[in-house]
Amino acid sequence: QVQLAESGGGLVQAGGSLRLSCAASGRAFSNYAMGWFRQAPGKERELVAVISPTGGTYEPDSRFTVSRDNAKNMVYLQMNRLRPEDTAVYYCALGPVVSRYERQYTCWGQGTQVTVSS
């Protein structure tokens, strides 16, 4: 069974950048789609980006870029030009198919807090 662990969150000023990382343990990581989601206080969890096993991406917000290194069992989220409204807990998730919907993801990390100050 795969386990996921996010890192790289923190406090950043508006306009700054952060790079989140997600480390996956276990084998067969490269066979799975990986998603980044976020949840702000009082709001539902929402999709940030998705990457397929072979590196195809879906990034609704051009400020955010997802990438993966299958050799290292890592997935990354580069976040640029951050805004206070990006403040949330960010989660990585693993699933059998590329999907915008969190119900398609079967394994989740614990999340990492990102706080953007104005």
C-alpha atoms as a PDB file:
ATOM      1  CA  GLN A   1       0.000   0.000   0.000  1.00  0.00           C
ATOM      2  CA  VAL A   2       1.286   3.441  -0.916  1.00  0.00           C
ATOM      3  CA  GLN A   3       1.672   6.137   1.696  1.00  0.00           C
ATOM      4  CA  LEU A   4       1.979   9.820   0.862  1.00  0.00           C
ATOM      5  CA  ALA A   5       3.690  12.619   2.766  1.00  0.00           C
ATOM      6  CA  GLU A   6       3.565  16.277   1.777  1.00  0.00           C
ATOM      7  CA  SER A   7       6.156  18.885   2.662  1.00  0.00           C
ATOM      8  CA  GLY A   8       7.152  22.390   1.714  1.00  0.00           C
ATOM      9  CA  GLY A   9       4.263  24.386   3.064  1.00  0.00           C
ATOM     10  CA  GLY A  10       4.706  27.499   5.133  1.00  0.00           C
ATOM     11  CA  LEU A  11       4.118  31.207   5.360  1.00  0.00           C
ATOM     12  CA  VAL A  12       4.804  33.356   2.311  1.00  0.00           C
ATOM     13  CA  GLN A  13       3.992  36.904   1.329  1.00  0.00           C
ATOM     14  CA  ALA A  14       1.580  37.629  -1.465  1.00  0.00           C
ATOM     15  CA  GLY A  15       3.358  37.464  -4.804  1.00  0.00           C
ATOM     16  CA  GLY A  16       5.828  34.888  -3.544  1.00  0.00           C
ATOM     17  CA  SER A  17       6.380  31.280  -4.505  1.00  0.00           C
ATOM     18  CA  LEU A  18       6.427  27.911  -2.824  1.00  0.00           C
ATOM     19  CA  ARG A  19       7.216  24.435  -4.017  1.00  0.00           C
ATOM     20  CA  LEU A  20       5.345  21.606  -2.396  1.00  0.00           C
ATOM     21  CA  SER A  21       6.626  18.066  -2.482  1.00  0.00           C
ATOM     22  CA  CYS A  22       4.863  14.767  -2.024  1.00  0.00           C
ATOM     23  CA  ALA A  23       6.853  11.641  -1.271  1.00  0.00           C
ATOM     24  CA  ALA A  24       5.284   8.281  -1.994  1.00  0.00           C
ATOM     25  CA  SER A  25       6.353   5.080  -0.344  1.00  0.00           C
ATOM     26  CA  GLY A  26       5.700   1.670  -1.794  1.00  0.00           C
ATOM     27  CA  ARG A  27       6.008   0.249  -5.228  1.00  0.00           C
ATOM     28  CA  ALA A  28       4.081   0.962  -8.424  1.00  0.00           C
ATOM     29  CA  PHE A  29       3.920   4.713  -7.822  1.00  0.00           C
ATOM     30  CA  SER A  30       4.603   5.313 -11.496  1.00  0.00           C
ATOM     31  CA  ASN A  31       1.385   3.532 -12.470  1.00  0.00           C
ATOM     32  CA  TYR A  32      -0.864   6.051 -10.751  1.00  0.00           C
ATOM     33  CA  ALA A  33      -2.266   9.462 -11.406  1.00  0.00           C
ATOM     34  CA  MET A  34      -1.428  12.065  -8.789  1.00  0.00           C
ATOM     35  CA  GLY A  35      -3.551  14.992  -7.779  1.00  0.00           C
ATOM     36  CA  TRP A  36      -3.042  18.072  -5.692  1.00  0.00           C
ATOM     37  CA  PHE A  37      -6.070  19.387  -3.827  1.00  0.00           C
ATOM     38  CA  ARG A  38      -6.538  22.115  -1.279  1.00  0.00           C
ATOM     39  CA  GLN A  39      -9.030  22.968   1.407  1.00  0.00           C
ATOM     40  CA  ALA A  40      -9.430  26.403   2.889  1.00  0.00           C
ATOM     41  CA  PRO A  41     -11.208  26.978   6.221  1.00  0.00           C
ATOM     42  CA  GLY A  42     -14.951  26.696   5.807  1.00  0.00           C
ATOM     43  CA  LYS A  43     -14.686  25.602   2.185  1.00  0.00           C
ATOM     44  CA  GLU A  44     -14.861  22.330   0.323  1.00  0.00           C
ATOM     45  CA  ARG A  45     -11.738  20.632  -0.889  1.00  0.00           C
ATOM     46  CA  GLU A  46     -10.928  21.598  -4.464  1.00  0.00           C
ATOM     47  CA  LEU A  47      -8.667  20.380  -7.221  1.00  0.00           C
ATOM     48  CA  VAL A  48      -5.451  22.269  -7.862  1.00  0.00           C
ATOM     49  CA  ALA A  49      -3.686  20.108 -10.452  1.00  0.00           C
ATOM     50  CA  VAL A  50      -3.431  16.571 -11.765  1.00  0.00           C
ATOM     51  CA  ILE A  51      -0.632  14.649 -13.421  1.00  0.00           C
ATOM     52  CA  SER A  52      -0.905  11.352 -15.259  1.00  0.00           C
ATOM     53  CA  PRO A  53       1.545   8.465 -14.847  1.00  0.00           C
ATOM     54  CA  THR A  54       3.355   9.570 -18.000  1.00  0.00           C
ATOM     55  CA  GLY A  55       3.449  13.268 -17.137  1.00  0.00           C
ATOM     56  CA  GLY A  56       0.382  14.707 -18.803  1.00  0.00           C
ATOM     57  CA  THR A  57      -0.997  17.533 -16.711  1.00  0.00           C
ATOM     58  CA  TYR A  58      -4.185  19.419 -15.954  1.00  0.00           C
ATOM     59  CA  GLU A  59      -3.578  22.736 -14.244  1.00  0.00           C
ATOM     60  CA  PRO A  60      -6.652  24.984 -14.166  1.00  0.00           C
ATOM     61  CA  ASP A  61      -4.639  27.855 -12.715  1.00  0.00           C
ATOM     62  CA  SER A  62      -1.581  28.793 -14.735  1.00  0.00           C
ATOM     63  CA  ARG A  63       0.206  29.966 -11.602  1.00  0.00           C
ATOM     64  CA  PHE A  64       0.489  26.365 -10.468  1.00  0.00           C
ATOM     65  CA  THR A  65       2.617  23.694 -12.142  1.00  0.00           C
ATOM     66  CA  VAL A  66       2.584  20.023 -11.270  1.00  0.00           C
ATOM     67  CA  SER A  67       5.436  17.643 -12.053  1.00  0.00           C
ATOM     68  CA  ARG A  68       6.619  14.222 -11.031  1.00  0.00           C
ATOM     69  CA  ASP A  69       9.787  12.185 -10.820  1.00  0.00           C
ATOM     70  CA  ASN A  70       8.840   8.528 -11.004  1.00  0.00           C
ATOM     71  CA  ALA A  71      12.393   7.407 -10.308  1.00  0.00           C
ATOM     72  CA  LYS A  72      12.266   9.184  -6.954  1.00  0.00           C
ATOM     73  CA  ASN A  73       8.597   8.503  -6.181  1.00  0.00           C
ATOM     74  CA  MET A  74       7.994  12.230  -5.922  1.00  0.00           C
ATOM     75  CA  VAL A  75       5.399  14.668  -7.152  1.00  0.00           C
ATOM     76  CA  TYR A  76       5.734  18.431  -6.915  1.00  0.00           C
ATOM     77  CA  LEU A  77       3.555  21.505  -7.030  1.00  0.00           C
ATOM     78  CA  GLN A  78       5.234  24.759  -7.964  1.00  0.00           C
ATOM     79  CA  MET A  79       3.094  27.702  -6.892  1.00  0.00           C
ATOM     80  CA  ASN A  80       3.903  31.184  -8.152  1.00  0.00           C
ATOM     81  CA  ARG A  81       2.413  34.640  -7.641  1.00  0.00           C
ATOM     82  CA  LEU A  82       0.623  33.443  -4.558  1.00  0.00           C
ATOM     83  CA  ARG A  83      -2.400  35.300  -3.224  1.00  0.00           C
ATOM     84  CA  PRO A  84      -3.982  35.386   0.231  1.00  0.00           C
ATOM     85  CA  GLU A  85      -6.901  33.379  -1.156  1.00  0.00           C
ATOM     86  CA  ASP A  86      -4.494  30.518  -1.877  1.00  0.00           C
ATOM     87  CA  THR A  87      -4.220  29.976   1.870  1.00  0.00           C
ATOM     88  CA  ALA A  88      -5.290  26.391   2.538  1.00  0.00           C
ATOM     89  CA  VAL A  89      -4.147  22.942   3.502  1.00  0.00           C
ATOM     90  CA  TYR A  90      -2.716  21.293   0.411  1.00  0.00           C
ATOM     91  CA  TYR A  91      -3.029  17.552  -0.099  1.00  0.00           C
ATOM     92  CA  CYS A  92      -1.533  15.159  -2.577  1.00  0.00           C
ATOM     93  CA  ALA A  93      -3.545  12.146  -3.593  1.00  0.00           C
ATOM     94  CA  LEU A  94      -3.048   9.017  -5.643  1.00  0.00           C
ATOM     95  CA  GLY A  95      -5.558   7.343  -7.882  1.00  0.00           C
ATOM     96  CA  PRO A  96      -5.910   4.789 -10.650  1.00  0.00           C
ATOM     97  CA  VAL A  97      -7.125   7.311 -13.219  1.00  0.00           C
ATOM     98  CA  VAL A  98      -6.637  10.966 -14.020  1.00  0.00           C
ATOM     99  CA  SER A  99      -9.634  12.714 -12.539  1.00  0.00           C
ATOM    100  CA  ARG A 100     -10.814  16.077 -11.332  1.00  0.00           C
ATOM    101  CA  TYR A 101     -12.894  14.414  -8.630  1.00  0.00           C
ATOM    102  CA  GLU A 102     -11.505  13.613  -5.227  1.00  0.00           C
ATOM    103  CA  ARG A 103     -13.648  10.498  -4.932  1.00  0.00           C
ATOM    104  CA  GLN A 104     -11.472   8.897  -7.631  1.00  0.00           C
ATOM    105  CA  TYR A 105      -8.388   9.130  -5.440  1.00  0.00           C
ATOM    106  CA  THR A 106      -7.768   6.231  -3.108  1.00  0.00           C
ATOM    107  CA  CYS A 107      -4.804   7.373  -1.059  1.00  0.00           C
ATOM    108  CA  TRP A 108      -4.221  10.770   0.571  1.00  0.00           C
ATOM    109  CA  GLY A 109      -1.450  12.488   2.420  1.00  0.00           C
ATOM    110  CA  GLN A 110      -1.924  14.343   5.693  1.00  0.00           C
ATOM    111  CA  GLY A 111      -1.654  17.742   4.068  1.00  0.00           C
ATOM    112  CA  THR A 112       0.650  20.711   4.418  1.00  0.00           C
ATOM    113  CA  GLN A 113      -0.440  24.198   5.415  1.00  0.00           C
ATOM    114  CA  VAL A 114       0.169  27.086   3.055  1.00  0.00           C
ATOM    115  CA  THR A 115      -0.475  30.574   4.383  1.00  0.00           C
ATOM    116  CA  VAL A 116      -0.176  33.621   2.169  1.00  0.00           C
ATOM    117  CA  SER A 117      -0.035  36.964   3.912  1.00  0.00           C
ATOM    118  CA  SER A 118      -1.158  40.187   2.319  1.00  0.00           C
END
